[in-house]
């Protein structure tokens, strides 16, 4: 099932949170924007959560991607899932909120 203009809460210290709510098919696009906090984003080729040591791309508050295929974000073939973990906030708050829309 796709996420349709959903806000996803990404808690601090809980590992990775799935931004996609199912596989993003080849040729389909995703839009996401960090609405509060900042996150590290990582993609996978299956439903397995990334390990704690894996790294991703950092997106700050107000930034994201618009109508892009997952393969345009990372250099992996057959990417189907996108994950995020919240980074420490400068304002003392915790967690992050990410707007997600994908087919």
C-alpha atoms as a PDB file:
ATOM      1  CA  UNK A   1       0.000   0.000   0.000  1.00  0.00           C
ATOM      2  CA  UNK A   2       1.399   3.388  -0.965  1.00  0.00           C
ATOM      3  CA  UNK A   3       1.595   6.389   1.323  1.00  0.00           C
ATOM      4  CA  UNK A   4      -0.630   9.175   0.072  1.00  0.00           C
ATOM      5  CA  UNK A   5       0.416  12.562   1.432  1.00  0.00           C
ATOM      6  CA  UNK A   6       1.142  11.117   4.879  1.00  0.00           C
ATOM      7  CA  UNK A   7       3.165  12.520   7.763  1.00  0.00           C
ATOM      8  CA  UNK A   8       5.538   9.895   9.153  1.00  0.00           C
ATOM      9  CA  UNK A   9       6.906  10.308  12.680  1.00  0.00           C
ATOM     10  CA  UNK A  10      10.557   9.252  12.992  1.00  0.00           C
ATOM     11  CA  UNK A  11      11.449   8.732  16.651  1.00  0.00           C
ATOM     12  CA  UNK A  12      14.910   9.348  18.041  1.00  0.00           C
ATOM     13  CA  UNK A  13      16.924   6.336  19.146  1.00  0.00           C
ATOM     14  CA  UNK A  14      14.653   3.644  17.724  1.00  0.00           C
ATOM     15  CA  UNK A  15      16.656   2.660  14.666  1.00  0.00           C
ATOM     16  CA  UNK A  16      15.211   3.010  11.182  1.00  0.00           C
ATOM     17  CA  UNK A  17      11.602   3.960  10.377  1.00  0.00           C
ATOM     18  CA  UNK A  18      10.166   2.923   7.030  1.00  0.00           C
ATOM     19  CA  UNK A  19       9.076   5.924   4.974  1.00  0.00           C
ATOM     20  CA  UNK A  20       7.560   3.791   2.236  1.00  0.00           C
ATOM     21  CA  UNK A  21       4.568   1.765   3.323  1.00  0.00           C
ATOM     22  CA  UNK A  22       5.240  -0.952   0.755  1.00  0.00           C
ATOM     23  CA  UNK A  23       7.385  -1.483  -2.309  1.00  0.00           C
ATOM     24  CA  UNK A  24       7.902   1.447  -4.649  1.00  0.00           C
ATOM     25  CA  UNK A  25       7.754  -0.169  -8.072  1.00  0.00           C
ATOM     26  CA  UNK A  26      10.234   0.449 -10.860  1.00  0.00           C
ATOM     27  CA  UNK A  27       9.300   3.621 -12.692  1.00  0.00           C
ATOM     28  CA  UNK A  28       7.188   4.912  -9.795  1.00  0.00           C
ATOM     29  CA  UNK A  29       8.189   8.107  -8.042  1.00  0.00           C
ATOM     30  CA  UNK A  30       8.384   9.311  -4.475  1.00  0.00           C
ATOM     31  CA  UNK A  31       8.113  12.737  -2.910  1.00  0.00           C
ATOM     32  CA  UNK A  32       9.261  13.423   0.636  1.00  0.00           C
ATOM     33  CA  UNK A  33      10.118  16.484   2.691  1.00  0.00           C
ATOM     34  CA  UNK A  34      11.431  16.792   6.226  1.00  0.00           C
ATOM     35  CA  UNK A  35       8.885  18.916   8.119  1.00  0.00           C
ATOM     36  CA  UNK A  36      10.686  18.983  11.470  1.00  0.00           C
ATOM     37  CA  UNK A  37      14.105  17.874  12.664  1.00  0.00           C
ATOM     38  CA  UNK A  38      16.594  16.225  10.346  1.00  0.00           C
ATOM     39  CA  UNK A  39      16.940  12.643   9.152  1.00  0.00           C
ATOM     40  CA  UNK A  40      19.372  10.239   7.594  1.00  0.00           C
ATOM     41  CA  UNK A  41      17.734   8.372   4.675  1.00  0.00           C
ATOM     42  CA  UNK A  42      18.747   4.906   3.443  1.00  0.00           C
ATOM     43  CA  UNK A  43      17.275   2.697   0.703  1.00  0.00           C
ATOM     44  CA  UNK A  44      17.011  -1.100   0.559  1.00  0.00           C
ATOM     45  CA  UNK A  45      16.292  -3.649  -2.155  1.00  0.00           C
ATOM     46  CA  UNK A  46      13.910  -5.624   0.087  1.00  0.00           C
ATOM     47  CA  UNK A  47      11.829  -5.293   3.262  1.00  0.00           C
ATOM     48  CA  UNK A  48      14.806  -5.751   5.609  1.00  0.00           C
ATOM     49  CA  UNK A  49      15.555  -2.749   7.839  1.00  0.00           C
ATOM     50  CA  UNK A  50      19.089  -1.353   7.396  1.00  0.00           C
ATOM     51  CA  UNK A  51      21.569  -2.300  10.102  1.00  0.00           C
ATOM     52  CA  UNK A  52      22.454   0.221  12.787  1.00  0.00           C
ATOM     53  CA  UNK A  53      25.875   0.829  11.269  1.00  0.00           C
ATOM     54  CA  UNK A  54      24.659   1.630   7.752  1.00  0.00           C
ATOM     55  CA  UNK A  55      24.788   5.255   6.640  1.00  0.00           C
ATOM     56  CA  UNK A  56      22.544   7.296   4.367  1.00  0.00           C
ATOM     57  CA  UNK A  57      21.934  10.755   2.959  1.00  0.00           C
ATOM     58  CA  UNK A  58      21.178  13.546   5.441  1.00  0.00           C
ATOM     59  CA  UNK A  59      18.165  15.781   4.865  1.00  0.00           C
ATOM     60  CA  UNK A  60      17.582  18.842   7.036  1.00  0.00           C
ATOM     61  CA  UNK A  61      14.271  20.494   7.909  1.00  0.00           C
ATOM     62  CA  UNK A  62      12.571  21.750   4.745  1.00  0.00           C
ATOM     63  CA  UNK A  63      14.538  19.540   2.353  1.00  0.00           C
ATOM     64  CA  UNK A  64      13.657  16.339   0.509  1.00  0.00           C
ATOM     65  CA  UNK A  65      13.022  15.024  -2.983  1.00  0.00           C
ATOM     66  CA  UNK A  66      10.161  15.668  -5.394  1.00  0.00           C
ATOM     67  CA  UNK A  67       8.806  13.132  -7.876  1.00  0.00           C
ATOM     68  CA  UNK A  68      11.990  11.077  -8.225  1.00  0.00           C
ATOM     69  CA  UNK A  69      12.569   7.374  -8.650  1.00  0.00           C
ATOM     70  CA  UNK A  70      14.365   5.767  -5.706  1.00  0.00           C
ATOM     71  CA  UNK A  71      17.215   4.797  -8.033  1.00  0.00           C
ATOM     72  CA  UNK A  72      17.826   8.533  -8.576  1.00  0.00           C
ATOM     73  CA  UNK A  73      18.478   8.990  -4.843  1.00  0.00           C
ATOM     74  CA  UNK A  74      20.905   6.099  -4.354  1.00  0.00           C
ATOM     75  CA  UNK A  75      23.030   4.088  -6.726  1.00  0.00           C
ATOM     76  CA  UNK A  76      21.433   0.671  -6.221  1.00  0.00           C
ATOM     77  CA  UNK A  77      19.416  -1.302  -8.708  1.00  0.00           C
ATOM     78  CA  UNK A  78      16.025  -2.668  -7.702  1.00  0.00           C
ATOM     79  CA  UNK A  79      15.529  -0.334  -4.718  1.00  0.00           C
ATOM     80  CA  UNK A  80      12.015  -0.751  -3.281  1.00  0.00           C
ATOM     81  CA  UNK A  81      12.010   0.702   0.253  1.00  0.00           C
ATOM     82  CA  UNK A  82      13.114   3.985   1.824  1.00  0.00           C
ATOM     83  CA  UNK A  83      13.996   4.300   5.529  1.00  0.00           C
ATOM     84  CA  UNK A  84      14.864   7.202   7.837  1.00  0.00           C
ATOM     85  CA  UNK A  85      16.329   7.706  11.284  1.00  0.00           C
ATOM     86  CA  UNK A  86      16.146  10.938  13.214  1.00  0.00           C
ATOM     87  CA  UNK A  87      19.331  12.834  13.971  1.00  0.00           C
ATOM     88  CA  UNK A  88      20.018  14.924  17.064  1.00  0.00           C
ATOM     89  CA  UNK A  89      18.199  18.240  16.875  1.00  0.00           C
ATOM     90  CA  UNK A  90      19.889  21.572  17.422  1.00  0.00           C
ATOM     91  CA  UNK A  91      16.750  22.997  19.028  1.00  0.00           C
ATOM     92  CA  UNK A  92      16.730  20.391  21.797  1.00  0.00           C
ATOM     93  CA  UNK A  93      13.640  18.636  20.435  1.00  0.00           C
ATOM     94  CA  UNK A  94      13.540  14.963  19.589  1.00  0.00           C
ATOM     95  CA  UNK A  95      12.565  12.985  16.531  1.00  0.00           C
ATOM     96  CA  UNK A  96      11.523  14.195  13.120  1.00  0.00           C
ATOM     97  CA  UNK A  97       8.448  14.374  10.936  1.00  0.00           C
ATOM     98  CA  UNK A  98       8.635  13.538   7.224  1.00  0.00           C
ATOM     99  CA  UNK A  99       5.910  14.160   4.635  1.00  0.00           C
ATOM    100  CA  UNK A 100       5.763  11.202   2.222  1.00  0.00           C
ATOM    101  CA  UNK A 101       3.823  10.658  -1.003  1.00  0.00           C
ATOM    102  CA  UNK A 102       4.536   7.702  -3.305  1.00  0.00           C
ATOM    103  CA  UNK A 103       2.781   5.391  -5.735  1.00  0.00           C
END
